[in-house]
């Protein structure tokens, strides 16, 4: 699933660029990193550990979110 699709029309050429947006899993993981990183660094977590934790949280959030959509 994608979020934040957009169209951009170049001001001088008039050419339109269309983007599907960013993958929702990547976007949620990025938001998680913003919350995790300042605290994880205090605990001496490595960047790969922070990234892994962010994607694990993103996956958990998306499972719950997708379950709510079925109701």
C-alpha atoms as a PDB file:
ATOM      1  CA  UNK A   1       0.000   0.000   0.000  1.00  0.00           C
ATOM      2  CA  UNK A   2       1.288   3.463  -0.857  1.00  0.00           C
ATOM      3  CA  UNK A   3       0.760   6.833   0.860  1.00  0.00           C
ATOM      4  CA  UNK A   4       1.259  10.425  -0.264  1.00  0.00           C
ATOM      5  CA  UNK A   5       0.854  10.076  -4.033  1.00  0.00           C
ATOM      6  CA  UNK A   6       1.432  13.284  -5.962  1.00  0.00           C
ATOM      7  CA  UNK A   7       1.529  14.969  -9.341  1.00  0.00           C
ATOM      8  CA  UNK A   8       3.938  17.750 -10.194  1.00  0.00           C
ATOM      9  CA  UNK A   9       3.662  19.971 -13.223  1.00  0.00           C
ATOM     10  CA  UNK A  10       6.970  21.593 -14.178  1.00  0.00           C
ATOM     11  CA  UNK A  11       6.486  25.383 -14.296  1.00  0.00           C
ATOM     12  CA  UNK A  12       8.358  26.012 -17.548  1.00  0.00           C
ATOM     13  CA  UNK A  13       8.119  22.780 -19.561  1.00  0.00           C
ATOM     14  CA  UNK A  14       4.598  21.886 -18.479  1.00  0.00           C
ATOM     15  CA  UNK A  15       5.651  18.246 -18.172  1.00  0.00           C
ATOM     16  CA  UNK A  16       3.704  16.351 -15.502  1.00  0.00           C
ATOM     17  CA  UNK A  17       5.435  13.884 -13.201  1.00  0.00           C
ATOM     18  CA  UNK A  18       3.319  11.369 -11.287  1.00  0.00           C
ATOM     19  CA  UNK A  19       4.540   9.431  -8.248  1.00  0.00           C
ATOM     20  CA  UNK A  20       2.667   6.608  -6.520  1.00  0.00           C
ATOM     21  CA  UNK A  21       4.089   7.764  -3.193  1.00  0.00           C
ATOM     22  CA  UNK A  22       6.030   5.964  -0.487  1.00  0.00           C
ATOM     23  CA  UNK A  23       5.357   2.464   0.802  1.00  0.00           C
ATOM     24  CA  UNK A  24       3.269   2.731   3.985  1.00  0.00           C
ATOM     25  CA  UNK A  25       5.523   0.235   5.824  1.00  0.00           C
ATOM     26  CA  UNK A  26       8.584   2.378   5.122  1.00  0.00           C
ATOM     27  CA  UNK A  27       6.749   5.554   6.149  1.00  0.00           C
ATOM     28  CA  UNK A  28       5.546   4.046   9.458  1.00  0.00           C
ATOM     29  CA  UNK A  29       9.038   2.663  10.177  1.00  0.00           C
ATOM     30  CA  UNK A  30      10.508   6.117   9.514  1.00  0.00           C
ATOM     31  CA  UNK A  31       8.076   7.643  12.000  1.00  0.00           C
ATOM     32  CA  UNK A  32       9.052   4.971  14.539  1.00  0.00           C
ATOM     33  CA  UNK A  33      12.748   5.770  14.107  1.00  0.00           C
ATOM     34  CA  UNK A  34      12.052   9.383  14.990  1.00  0.00           C
ATOM     35  CA  UNK A  35      10.698   8.237  18.336  1.00  0.00           C
ATOM     36  CA  UNK A  36      13.151   5.412  18.991  1.00  0.00           C
ATOM     37  CA  UNK A  37      16.491   6.894  17.958  1.00  0.00           C
ATOM     38  CA  UNK A  38      17.021   9.502  20.681  1.00  0.00           C
ATOM     39  CA  UNK A  39      16.367   6.925  23.408  1.00  0.00           C
ATOM     40  CA  UNK A  40      18.040   3.976  21.694  1.00  0.00           C
ATOM     41  CA  UNK A  41      21.274   5.864  21.296  1.00  0.00           C
ATOM     42  CA  UNK A  42      21.316   6.472  25.064  1.00  0.00           C
ATOM     43  CA  UNK A  43      21.144   2.684  25.482  1.00  0.00           C
ATOM     44  CA  UNK A  44      23.992   2.155  22.992  1.00  0.00           C
ATOM     45  CA  UNK A  45      21.790   0.532  20.328  1.00  0.00           C
ATOM     46  CA  UNK A  46      23.402   0.285  16.923  1.00  0.00           C
ATOM     47  CA  UNK A  47      21.766   1.797  13.820  1.00  0.00           C
ATOM     48  CA  UNK A  48      20.878  -1.686  12.456  1.00  0.00           C
ATOM     49  CA  UNK A  49      19.229  -2.534  15.786  1.00  0.00           C
ATOM     50  CA  UNK A  50      17.237   0.714  15.665  1.00  0.00           C
ATOM     51  CA  UNK A  51      16.148   0.034  12.076  1.00  0.00           C
ATOM     52  CA  UNK A  52      15.117  -3.534  12.911  1.00  0.00           C
ATOM     53  CA  UNK A  53      13.077  -2.346  15.895  1.00  0.00           C
ATOM     54  CA  UNK A  54      11.412   0.341  13.768  1.00  0.00           C
ATOM     55  CA  UNK A  55      10.313  -2.161  11.113  1.00  0.00           C
ATOM     56  CA  UNK A  56       9.093  -4.591  13.796  1.00  0.00           C
ATOM     57  CA  UNK A  57       6.973  -1.800  15.281  1.00  0.00           C
ATOM     58  CA  UNK A  58       5.742  -0.755  11.839  1.00  0.00           C
ATOM     59  CA  UNK A  59       4.707  -4.324  11.054  1.00  0.00           C
ATOM     60  CA  UNK A  60       2.842  -4.622  14.371  1.00  0.00           C
ATOM     61  CA  UNK A  61       1.071  -1.305  13.830  1.00  0.00           C
ATOM     62  CA  UNK A  62       0.043  -2.247  10.304  1.00  0.00           C
ATOM     63  CA  UNK A  63      -1.322  -5.634  11.423  1.00  0.00           C
ATOM     64  CA  UNK A  64      -3.548  -3.871  13.953  1.00  0.00           C
ATOM     65  CA  UNK A  65      -4.500  -1.137  11.483  1.00  0.00           C
ATOM     66  CA  UNK A  66      -5.407  -3.630   8.753  1.00  0.00           C
ATOM     67  CA  UNK A  67      -7.473  -5.635  11.252  1.00  0.00           C
ATOM     68  CA  UNK A  68      -9.451  -2.502  12.158  1.00  0.00           C
ATOM     69  CA  UNK A  69     -10.193  -1.887   8.481  1.00  0.00           C
ATOM     70  CA  UNK A  70     -11.996  -5.253   8.260  1.00  0.00           C
ATOM     71  CA  UNK A  71     -14.541  -4.288  10.939  1.00  0.00           C
END
